[in-house]
């Protein structure tokens, strides 16, 4: 006795087969490479957002200090110039596989951190400045932003580590070679040892 399949039965069998194939493909990690890449890019955006937040606080901080410490013109100028340079050096998420571009960004931010640290150290010489409410509010916001920067950097480093590991291990390495040949390891975000901790901004 021959078993004959009707058109609806064939369509149902084909749909079930395709569903099973899609689930097995999804389960073997085909989507891991683009998913981890997008997560790393999102973390990079957060890093840039936090640095921009810091850059946005600096003009008000400089103006406040200037009102109390006009003779510190050299330090104030260094901060303004470092801020200008840091805000000009940006990296599009598609360029994160370029270690030199990431290093240029890091160097500009490190220069700003150093100039900002010198500015905050100068304030120690001005008791009236240290008790100014506007200065205290800016100092508090800056301290919070430095903490957010540290968290954003840590999250980015972890996301890049997961992405780069996926590209270098099996089956991610094979999947990337077959389906995502343009995928390249991303540069991690590293700073000099002295910059691993946020600058001290408490008075």
Protein backbone atom coordinates (compact mmCIF):
# COMPACT_ATOMS: atom_id res chain seq x y z
CA UNK A 1 0.00 0.00 0.00
CA UNK A 2 1.46 3.34 -1.11
CA UNK A 3 1.28 6.35 1.20
CA UNK A 4 0.43 9.50 -0.72
CA UNK A 5 1.00 12.95 0.74
CA UNK A 6 -1.33 15.78 0.08
CA UNK A 7 -0.13 19.31 -0.74
CA UNK A 8 -0.99 20.65 2.76
CA UNK A 9 0.90 17.77 4.37
CA UNK A 10 3.95 18.46 2.20
CA UNK A 11 3.83 22.15 3.10
CA UNK A 12 3.54 21.31 6.81
CA UNK A 13 6.46 18.87 6.58
CA UNK A 14 8.57 21.51 4.79
CA UNK A 15 7.67 24.16 7.38
CA UNK A 16 8.59 21.83 10.26
CA UNK A 17 11.86 20.92 8.55
CA UNK A 18 12.76 24.60 8.00
CA UNK A 19 11.86 25.46 11.59
CA UNK A 20 14.02 22.63 12.89
CA UNK A 21 16.90 23.70 10.65
CA UNK A 22 16.58 27.35 11.76
CA UNK A 23 16.59 26.33 15.42
CA UNK A 24 19.63 24.11 14.98
CA UNK A 25 21.49 26.87 13.10
CA UNK A 26 20.59 29.44 15.78
CA UNK A 27 21.66 27.01 18.47
CA UNK A 28 25.10 26.46 16.94
CA UNK A 29 26.12 30.11 17.36
CA UNK A 30 25.67 31.57 13.88
CA UNK A 31 24.33 34.77 15.42
CA UNK A 32 27.02 35.08 18.10
CA UNK A 33 29.49 37.07 15.98
CA UNK A 34 27.12 39.90 14.96
CA UNK A 35 25.43 39.91 18.37
CA UNK A 36 28.71 40.28 20.25
CA UNK A 37 29.95 42.87 17.74
CA UNK A 38 26.86 45.00 18.28
CA UNK A 39 27.20 44.68 22.05
CA UNK A 40 30.81 45.88 21.87
CA UNK A 41 29.80 48.81 19.67
CA UNK A 42 27.06 49.75 22.11
CA UNK A 43 29.54 49.66 24.98
CA UNK A 44 31.88 51.90 22.97
CA UNK A 45 29.05 54.39 22.51
CA UNK A 46 28.63 54.45 26.27
CA UNK A 47 32.36 55.13 26.71
CA UNK A 48 32.14 58.06 24.32
CA UNK A 49 28.98 59.36 25.98
CA UNK A 50 30.62 59.42 29.40
CA UNK A 51 33.71 61.20 28.08
CA UNK A 52 31.43 63.73 26.38
CA UNK A 53 29.60 64.24 29.67
CA UNK A 54 32.94 65.03 31.31
CA UNK A 55 33.87 67.40 28.48
CA UNK A 56 30.53 69.19 28.91
CA UNK A 57 31.23 69.83 32.60
CA UNK A 58 34.67 71.33 32.04
CA UNK A 59 33.72 74.80 30.67
CA UNK A 60 31.63 75.55 33.77
CA UNK A 61 34.37 74.23 36.03
CA UNK A 62 37.00 76.38 34.28
CA UNK A 63 34.81 79.49 34.54
CA UNK A 64 34.18 78.88 38.23
CA UNK A 65 37.87 78.40 38.98
CA UNK A 66 38.75 81.42 36.84
CA UNK A 67 36.60 83.64 39.04
CA UNK A 68 38.71 82.73 42.08
CA UNK A 69 42.13 81.96 40.60
CA UNK A 70 42.85 84.26 37.68
CA UNK A 71 46.59 83.93 38.22
CA UNK A 72 46.36 80.23 37.28
CA UNK A 73 45.91 81.13 33.60
CA UNK A 74 48.42 78.52 32.40
CA UNK A 75 46.57 75.64 34.08
CA UNK A 76 43.20 76.92 32.87
CA UNK A 77 44.52 77.21 29.31
CA UNK A 78 45.91 73.66 29.43
CA UNK A 79 42.51 72.31 30.46
CA UNK A 80 40.68 74.21 27.72
CA UNK A 81 43.17 73.09 25.07
CA UNK A 82 43.13 69.47 26.25
CA UNK A 83 39.32 69.49 26.21
CA UNK A 84 39.29 70.85 22.66
CA UNK A 85 41.66 68.13 21.49
CA UNK A 86 39.79 65.37 23.33
CA UNK A 87 36.46 66.35 21.79
CA UNK A 88 37.98 66.40 18.29
CA UNK A 89 39.39 62.87 18.53
CA UNK A 90 36.45 60.51 18.08
CA UNK A 91 36.13 57.00 16.71
CA UNK A 92 33.23 55.66 14.73
CA UNK A 93 32.21 52.20 15.98
CA UNK A 94 33.15 50.72 12.58
CA UNK A 95 36.82 51.71 13.22
CA UNK A 96 37.21 49.85 16.52
CA UNK A 97 39.40 47.22 14.87
CA UNK A 98 42.06 49.92 14.26
CA UNK A 99 44.37 49.91 17.32
CA UNK A 100 46.03 53.19 16.28
CA UNK A 101 42.70 55.04 16.17
CA UNK A 102 41.76 53.71 19.61
CA UNK A 103 45.20 54.72 20.94
CA UNK A 104 44.79 58.27 19.61
CA UNK A 105 41.45 58.51 21.39
CA UNK A 106 42.95 57.15 24.61
CA UNK A 107 45.91 59.52 24.46
CA UNK A 108 43.68 62.56 23.99
CA UNK A 109 41.50 61.53 26.94
CA UNK A 110 44.56 60.84 29.11
CA UNK A 111 45.92 64.30 28.32
CA UNK A 112 42.61 65.83 29.39
CA UNK A 113 42.61 63.74 32.59
CA UNK A 114 46.08 65.04 33.43
CA UNK A 115 45.18 68.67 32.79
CA UNK A 116 41.98 68.30 34.79
CA UNK A 117 43.91 66.76 37.68
CA UNK A 118 46.28 69.76 37.71
CA UNK A 119 43.31 72.15 37.73
CA UNK A 120 41.71 70.38 40.66
CA UNK A 121 45.03 70.37 42.53
CA UNK A 122 45.29 74.16 42.06
CA UNK A 123 41.97 74.64 43.82
CA UNK A 124 43.59 73.46 47.04
CA UNK A 125 45.25 76.89 47.26
CA UNK A 126 41.92 78.75 47.27
CA UNK A 127 39.72 78.14 50.33
CA UNK A 128 36.98 80.43 49.00
CA UNK A 129 36.81 78.37 45.81
CA UNK A 130 36.62 75.09 47.73
CA UNK A 131 33.60 76.37 49.65
CA UNK A 132 31.80 77.81 46.60
CA UNK A 133 28.48 75.98 46.06
CA UNK A 134 28.77 76.01 42.28
CA UNK A 135 32.27 74.54 42.48
CA UNK A 136 31.14 71.88 44.96
CA UNK A 137 28.25 70.88 42.67
CA UNK A 138 30.57 70.67 39.65
CA UNK A 139 33.11 68.69 41.66
CA UNK A 140 30.41 66.22 42.68
CA UNK A 141 29.18 65.83 39.09
CA UNK A 142 32.73 65.38 37.87
CA UNK A 143 33.43 62.71 40.47
CA UNK A 144 30.27 60.84 39.42
CA UNK A 145 31.25 61.15 35.76
CA UNK A 146 34.74 59.79 36.39
CA UNK A 147 33.12 56.77 38.06
CA UNK A 148 30.79 56.32 35.08
CA UNK A 149 33.78 56.50 32.73
CA UNK A 150 35.52 53.75 34.70
CA UNK A 151 32.40 51.55 34.51
CA UNK A 152 31.91 52.24 30.79
CA UNK A 153 35.55 51.38 30.04
CA UNK A 154 35.25 48.14 32.03
CA UNK A 155 32.04 47.15 30.21
CA UNK A 156 33.62 47.91 26.84
CA UNK A 157 36.72 45.84 27.63
CA UNK A 158 34.52 42.90 28.66
CA UNK A 159 32.36 43.19 25.51
CA UNK A 160 35.44 43.32 23.26
CA UNK A 161 36.95 40.35 25.06
CA UNK A 162 33.78 38.30 24.43
CA UNK A 163 33.68 39.36 20.76
CA UNK A 164 37.39 38.74 20.12
CA UNK A 165 37.21 35.36 21.89
CA UNK A 166 34.28 34.37 19.66
CA UNK A 167 36.35 35.24 16.57
CA UNK A 168 39.30 33.18 17.77
CA UNK A 169 37.59 30.04 19.06
CA UNK A 170 35.69 27.19 17.43
CA UNK A 171 32.96 27.27 16.13
CA UNK A 172 32.91 31.10 16.12
CA UNK A 173 36.12 31.24 14.11
CA UNK A 174 34.65 29.02 11.39
CA UNK A 175 31.32 30.80 11.38
CA UNK A 176 33.02 34.20 11.07
CA UNK A 177 35.21 32.93 8.20
CA UNK A 178 32.19 31.54 6.32
CA UNK A 179 29.49 34.09 7.03
CA UNK A 180 31.21 37.26 8.31
CA UNK A 181 34.59 37.50 6.54
CA UNK A 182 34.72 41.25 7.25
CA UNK A 183 34.66 40.65 11.03
CA UNK A 184 37.98 41.62 12.61
CA UNK A 185 39.10 41.67 16.26
CA UNK A 186 38.42 44.99 17.99
CA UNK A 187 41.08 46.98 19.79
CA UNK A 188 40.67 46.89 23.52
CA UNK A 189 40.60 50.03 25.61
CA UNK A 190 43.68 50.27 27.77
CA UNK A 191 45.15 53.14 29.71
CA UNK A 192 48.48 53.70 31.37
CA UNK A 193 48.77 52.05 34.76
CA UNK A 194 48.47 55.40 36.57
CA UNK A 195 45.11 56.03 34.89
CA UNK A 196 43.47 52.77 35.96
CA UNK A 197 41.82 54.50 38.91
CA UNK A 198 39.61 57.57 38.43
CA UNK A 199 41.32 60.83 39.35
CA UNK A 200 40.76 61.93 42.93
CA UNK A 201 38.47 64.94 42.89
CA UNK A 202 37.40 65.18 46.52
CA UNK A 203 38.49 68.17 48.62
